[in-house]
Amino acid sequence: MKFATPLAAVALSLFATTASAQAVRTEKNMSLDLANQIAAATVASCSASGYNVTAAVVDRAGTLRALLRADNAGPHTVGAAQGKAYTSASARNTTAAMLETVQKNPGAATLVDIPGFLVLGGGVPVKVGNEVIGAVGVGGAPGGHLDEACATAGIAKVAELLK
């Protein structure tokens, strides 16, 4: 009987540990330093191509972490960049892929009605492995495909930090 009491206590503590481990999640997220690096690299990439853009970087919840507007970037680029970043982080997909889905799938056409969503090319998720930790959105290049190319280049500049 003396052996059964400690064994029962150990069993109960293991059950409690397993239950609490399932109730609490650990998630990777975007740091301010990483967000600033991505924003700077993204704007630099577009500037090298002659485009004056704004880059917005959001965390996994779509909350703004960094915003960088190039000299001579239009005022509308701020909202566009933030909307694209939010949309990409929220959907865990590129906004160009979402645009294609909206255009080809009538059932997805109402995605554009979700508050805060901007379904235009230029939003790219930032991933560590398969986990989305945030997104970058770009506004101001002459086409969503060019905005997306700058966002992708900005993320590529910090690839070593995303492992």
C-alpha atoms as a PDB file:
ATOM      1  CA  MET A   1       0.000   0.000   0.000  1.00  0.00           C
ATOM      2  CA  LYS A   2       2.906   2.340   0.701  1.00  0.00           C
ATOM      3  CA  PHE A   3       4.063   1.888  -2.899  1.00  0.00           C
ATOM      4  CA  ALA A   4       0.622   2.513  -4.424  1.00  0.00           C
ATOM      5  CA  THR A   5       0.224   6.041  -2.967  1.00  0.00           C
ATOM      6  CA  PRO A   6       3.415   7.504  -4.504  1.00  0.00           C
ATOM      7  CA  LEU A   7       2.670   5.707  -7.787  1.00  0.00           C
ATOM      8  CA  ALA A   8      -0.804   7.242  -7.893  1.00  0.00           C
ATOM      9  CA  ALA A   9       0.644  10.692  -7.203  1.00  0.00           C
ATOM     10  CA  VAL A  10       3.150  10.310 -10.052  1.00  0.00           C
ATOM     11  CA  ALA A  11       0.401   9.129 -12.401  1.00  0.00           C
ATOM     12  CA  LEU A  12      -1.807  12.104 -11.505  1.00  0.00           C
ATOM     13  CA  SER A  13       1.037  14.578 -12.010  1.00  0.00           C
ATOM     14  CA  LEU A  14       1.839  13.085 -15.421  1.00  0.00           C
ATOM     15  CA  PHE A  15      -1.821  13.374 -16.431  1.00  0.00           C
ATOM     16  CA  ALA A  16      -1.960  17.001 -15.250  1.00  0.00           C
ATOM     17  CA  THR A  17       1.239  17.828 -17.164  1.00  0.00           C
ATOM     18  CA  THR A  18      -0.100  16.252 -20.354  1.00  0.00           C
ATOM     19  CA  ALA A  19      -3.426  18.079 -20.037  1.00  0.00           C
ATOM     20  CA  SER A  20      -1.806  21.450 -19.445  1.00  0.00           C
ATOM     21  CA  ALA A  21       0.642  20.935 -22.310  1.00  0.00           C
ATOM     22  CA  GLN A  22      -2.305  20.526 -24.662  1.00  0.00           C
ATOM     23  CA  ALA A  23      -4.028  23.618 -23.301  1.00  0.00           C
ATOM     24  CA  VAL A  24      -1.083  25.975 -23.760  1.00  0.00           C
ATOM     25  CA  ARG A  25       0.459  26.564 -27.174  1.00  0.00           C
ATOM     26  CA  THR A  26       3.885  27.816 -28.054  1.00  0.00           C
ATOM     27  CA  GLU A  27       4.079  29.853 -31.247  1.00  0.00           C
ATOM     28  CA  LYS A  28       6.882  31.558 -33.118  1.00  0.00           C
ATOM     29  CA  ASN A  29       6.264  35.225 -33.874  1.00  0.00           C
ATOM     30  CA  MET A  30       7.793  38.224 -35.600  1.00  0.00           C
ATOM     31  CA  SER A  31      10.253  40.270 -33.525  1.00  0.00           C
ATOM     32  CA  LEU A  32      10.532  44.026 -33.989  1.00  0.00           C
ATOM     33  CA  ASP A  33      14.145  43.674 -35.122  1.00  0.00           C
ATOM     34  CA  LEU A  34      13.233  41.082 -37.765  1.00  0.00           C
ATOM     35  CA  ALA A  35      10.270  43.175 -38.949  1.00  0.00           C
ATOM     36  CA  ASN A  36      12.510  46.237 -39.351  1.00  0.00           C
ATOM     37  CA  GLN A  37      15.101  44.234 -41.281  1.00  0.00           C
ATOM     38  CA  ILE A  38      12.482  42.840 -43.660  1.00  0.00           C
ATOM     39  CA  ALA A  39      10.899  46.256 -44.224  1.00  0.00           C
ATOM     40  CA  ALA A  40      14.284  47.871 -44.946  1.00  0.00           C
ATOM     41  CA  ALA A  41      15.401  45.075 -47.289  1.00  0.00           C
ATOM     42  CA  THR A  42      12.061  45.189 -49.118  1.00  0.00           C
ATOM     43  CA  VAL A  43      12.149  48.959 -49.686  1.00  0.00           C
ATOM     44  CA  ALA A  44      15.803  48.723 -50.750  1.00  0.00           C
ATOM     45  CA  SER A  45      14.950  46.000 -53.267  1.00  0.00           C
ATOM     46  CA  CYS A  46      12.208  48.113 -54.827  1.00  0.00           C
ATOM     47  CA  SER A  47      14.361  51.258 -54.775  1.00  0.00           C
ATOM     48  CA  ALA A  48      17.080  49.400 -56.678  1.00  0.00           C
ATOM     49  CA  SER A  49      14.486  48.764 -59.395  1.00  0.00           C
ATOM     50  CA  GLY A  50      13.396  52.392 -59.398  1.00  0.00           C
ATOM     51  CA  TYR A  51      10.129  51.931 -57.449  1.00  0.00           C
ATOM     52  CA  ASN A  52       9.153  54.166 -54.532  1.00  0.00           C
ATOM     53  CA  VAL A  53       7.151  51.919 -52.241  1.00  0.00           C
ATOM     54  CA  THR A  54       5.956  51.383 -48.725  1.00  0.00           C
ATOM     55  CA  ALA A  55       6.630  48.084 -46.960  1.00  0.00           C
ATOM     56  CA  ALA A  56       4.515  46.970 -44.021  1.00  0.00           C
ATOM     57  CA  VAL A  57       5.446  43.994 -41.867  1.00  0.00           C
ATOM     58  CA  VAL A  58       2.913  42.384 -39.537  1.00  0.00           C
ATOM     59  CA  ASP A  59       3.152  39.608 -36.975  1.00  0.00           C
ATOM     60  CA  ARG A  60       1.267  36.310 -37.135  1.00  0.00           C
ATOM     61  CA  ALA A  61      -1.927  38.006 -35.881  1.00  0.00           C
ATOM     62  CA  GLY A  62      -1.745  40.696 -38.561  1.00  0.00           C
ATOM     63  CA  THR A  63      -0.688  43.428 -36.139  1.00  0.00           C
ATOM     64  CA  LEU A  64       1.660  46.015 -37.609  1.00  0.00           C
ATOM     65  CA  ARG A  65       5.273  45.643 -36.445  1.00  0.00           C
ATOM     66  CA  ALA A  66       7.152  47.826 -38.957  1.00  0.00           C
ATOM     67  CA  LEU A  67       6.291  50.324 -41.672  1.00  0.00           C
ATOM     68  CA  LEU A  68       8.809  51.965 -43.957  1.00  0.00           C
ATOM     69  CA  ARG A  69       7.828  54.435 -46.675  1.00  0.00           C
ATOM     70  CA  ALA A  70      10.421  55.351 -49.296  1.00  0.00           C
ATOM     71  CA  ASP A  71      10.987  58.947 -50.286  1.00  0.00           C
ATOM     72  CA  ASN A  72       8.479  59.906 -52.982  1.00  0.00           C
ATOM     73  CA  ALA A  73       6.197  56.927 -52.292  1.00  0.00           C
ATOM     74  CA  GLY A  74       2.572  57.964 -52.689  1.00  0.00           C
ATOM     75  CA  PRO A  75       0.430  58.412 -49.581  1.00  0.00           C
ATOM     76  CA  HIS A  76      -1.917  55.630 -50.724  1.00  0.00           C
ATOM     77  CA  THR A  77       0.931  53.117 -50.534  1.00  0.00           C
ATOM     78  CA  VAL A  78       0.829  53.093 -46.726  1.00  0.00           C
ATOM     79  CA  GLY A  79      -2.705  51.697 -46.497  1.00  0.00           C
ATOM     80  CA  ALA A  80      -2.152  49.370 -49.447  1.00  0.00           C
ATOM     81  CA  ALA A  81       1.000  47.864 -47.948  1.00  0.00           C
ATOM     82  CA  GLN A  82      -0.599  47.362 -44.553  1.00  0.00           C
ATOM     83  CA  GLY A  83      -3.751  45.843 -46.058  1.00  0.00           C
ATOM     84  CA  LYS A  84      -1.749  43.397 -48.155  1.00  0.00           C
ATOM     85  CA  ALA A  85       0.409  42.370 -45.186  1.00  0.00           C
ATOM     86  CA  TYR A  86      -2.650  41.846 -42.959  1.00  0.00           C
ATOM     87  CA  THR A  87      -4.413  39.842 -45.659  1.00  0.00           C
ATOM     88  CA  SER A  88      -1.401  37.629 -46.318  1.00  0.00           C
ATOM     89  CA  ALA A  89      -0.790  36.918 -42.628  1.00  0.00           C
ATOM     90  CA  SER A  90      -4.462  36.264 -41.992  1.00  0.00           C
ATOM     91  CA  ALA A  91      -4.900  33.912 -44.940  1.00  0.00           C
ATOM     92  CA  ARG A  92      -1.408  32.388 -44.608  1.00  0.00           C
ATOM     93  CA  ASN A  93      -0.987  32.812 -48.355  1.00  0.00           C
ATOM     94  CA  THR A  94       0.250  35.310 -50.921  1.00  0.00           C
ATOM     95  CA  THR A  95      -2.279  37.937 -51.890  1.00  0.00           C
ATOM     96  CA  ALA A  96      -1.582  37.164 -55.566  1.00  0.00           C
ATOM     97  CA  ALA A  97      -2.724  33.573 -54.999  1.00  0.00           C
ATOM     98  CA  MET A  98      -5.805  34.855 -53.204  1.00  0.00           C
ATOM     99  CA  LEU A  99      -6.562  37.231 -56.078  1.00  0.00           C
ATOM    100  CA  GLU A 100      -6.387  34.341 -58.519  1.00  0.00           C
ATOM    101  CA  THR A 101      -8.740  32.309 -56.321  1.00  0.00           C
ATOM    102  CA  VAL A 102     -11.220  35.183 -56.082  1.00  0.00           C
ATOM    103  CA  GLN A 103     -11.164  35.647 -59.860  1.00  0.00           C
ATOM    104  CA  LYS A 104     -11.583  31.956 -60.720  1.00  0.00           C
ATOM    105  CA  ASN A 105     -13.827  30.701 -57.911  1.00  0.00           C
ATOM    106  CA  PRO A 106     -17.227  32.382 -57.557  1.00  0.00           C
ATOM    107  CA  GLY A 107     -17.519  30.902 -54.063  1.00  0.00           C
ATOM    108  CA  ALA A 108     -14.468  32.893 -52.984  1.00  0.00           C
ATOM    109  CA  ALA A 109     -15.539  36.187 -54.564  1.00  0.00           C
ATOM    110  CA  THR A 110     -16.748  37.574 -51.241  1.00  0.00           C
ATOM    111  CA  LEU A 111     -13.278  37.335 -49.663  1.00  0.00           C
ATOM    112  CA  VAL A 112     -12.843  40.932 -50.791  1.00  0.00           C
ATOM    113  CA  ASP A 113     -15.671  41.901 -48.417  1.00  0.00           C
ATOM    114  CA  ILE A 114     -13.791  40.822 -45.282  1.00  0.00           C
ATOM    115  CA  PRO A 115     -12.930  43.979 -43.310  1.00  0.00           C
ATOM    116  CA  GLY A 116      -9.258  44.840 -43.663  1.00  0.00           C
ATOM    117  CA  PHE A 117      -8.616  42.446 -46.552  1.00  0.00           C
ATOM    118  CA  LEU A 118      -6.899  43.822 -49.645  1.00  0.00           C
ATOM    119  CA  VAL A 119      -6.814  41.171 -52.315  1.00  0.00           C
ATOM    120  CA  LEU A 120      -4.169  42.614 -54.649  1.00  0.00           C
ATOM    121  CA  GLY A 121      -0.729  41.206 -55.425  1.00  0.00           C
ATOM    122  CA  GLY A 122       2.061  42.274 -53.100  1.00  0.00           C
ATOM    123  CA  GLY A 123       1.483  40.441 -49.807  1.00  0.00           C
ATOM    124  CA  VAL A 124       3.768  37.541 -48.901  1.00  0.00           C
ATOM    125  CA  PRO A 125       3.763  35.421 -45.733  1.00  0.00           C
ATOM    126  CA  VAL A 126       6.953  35.151 -43.688  1.00  0.00           C
ATOM    127  CA  LYS A 127       7.568  31.553 -42.612  1.00  0.00           C
ATOM    128  CA  VAL A 128       9.826  29.606 -40.311  1.00  0.00           C
ATOM    129  CA  GLY A 129       9.601  26.136 -41.791  1.00  0.00           C
ATOM    130  CA  ASN A 130       5.901  25.715 -42.508  1.00  0.00           C
ATOM    131  CA  GLU A 131       4.786  28.070 -39.727  1.00  0.00           C
ATOM    132  CA  VAL A 132       3.649  31.552 -40.747  1.00  0.00           C
ATOM    133  CA  ILE A 133       5.079  34.088 -38.280  1.00  0.00           C
ATOM    134  CA  GLY A 134       3.909  37.197 -40.107  1.00  0.00           C
ATOM    135  CA  ALA A 135       3.797  38.793 -43.532  1.00  0.00           C
ATOM    136  CA  VAL A 136       5.135  41.661 -45.575  1.00  0.00           C
ATOM    137  CA  GLY A 137       2.992  43.814 -47.823  1.00  0.00           C
ATOM    138  CA  VAL A 138       4.240  46.216 -50.464  1.00  0.00           C
ATOM    139  CA  GLY A 139       2.444  49.044 -52.200  1.00  0.00           C
ATOM    140  CA  GLY A 140       3.707  51.412 -54.869  1.00  0.00           C
ATOM    141  CA  ALA A 141       5.426  49.468 -57.614  1.00  0.00           C
ATOM    142  CA  PRO A 142       3.658  49.572 -61.000  1.00  0.00           C
ATOM    143  CA  GLY A 143       1.944  46.205 -60.530  1.00  0.00           C
ATOM    144  CA  GLY A 144       1.196  43.712 -57.802  1.00  0.00           C
ATOM    145  CA  HIS A 145       3.641  41.225 -59.292  1.00  0.00           C
ATOM    146  CA  LEU A 146       6.441  43.776 -58.816  1.00  0.00           C
ATOM    147  CA  ASP A 147       5.294  44.524 -55.258  1.00  0.00           C
ATOM    148  CA  GLU A 148       5.420  40.778 -54.571  1.00  0.00           C
ATOM    149  CA  ALA A 149       8.895  40.456 -56.104  1.00  0.00           C
ATOM    150  CA  CYS A 150      10.182  43.157 -53.739  1.00  0.00           C
ATOM    151  CA  ALA A 151       8.523  41.474 -50.739  1.00  0.00           C
ATOM    152  CA  THR A 152      10.025  38.126 -51.695  1.00  0.00           C
ATOM    153  CA  ALA A 153      13.471  39.740 -52.100  1.00  0.00           C
ATOM    154  CA  GLY A 154      13.145  41.388 -48.684  1.00  0.00           C
ATOM    155  CA  ILE A 155      12.315  38.070 -47.043  1.00  0.00           C
ATOM    156  CA  ALA A 156      15.191  36.371 -48.894  1.00  0.00           C
ATOM    157  CA  LYS A 157      17.641  38.900 -47.377  1.00  0.00           C
ATOM    158  CA  VAL A 158      16.840  37.575 -43.892  1.00  0.00           C
ATOM    159  CA  ALA A 159      16.501  33.900 -44.820  1.00  0.00           C
ATOM    160  CA  GLU A 160      19.255  32.871 -42.388  1.00  0.00           C
ATOM    161  CA  LEU A 161      17.209  34.307 -39.507  1.00  0.00           C
ATOM    162  CA  LEU A 162      14.153  32.251 -40.473  1.00  0.00           C
ATOM    163  CA  LYS A 163      15.565  28.838 -39.642  1.00  0.00           C
END
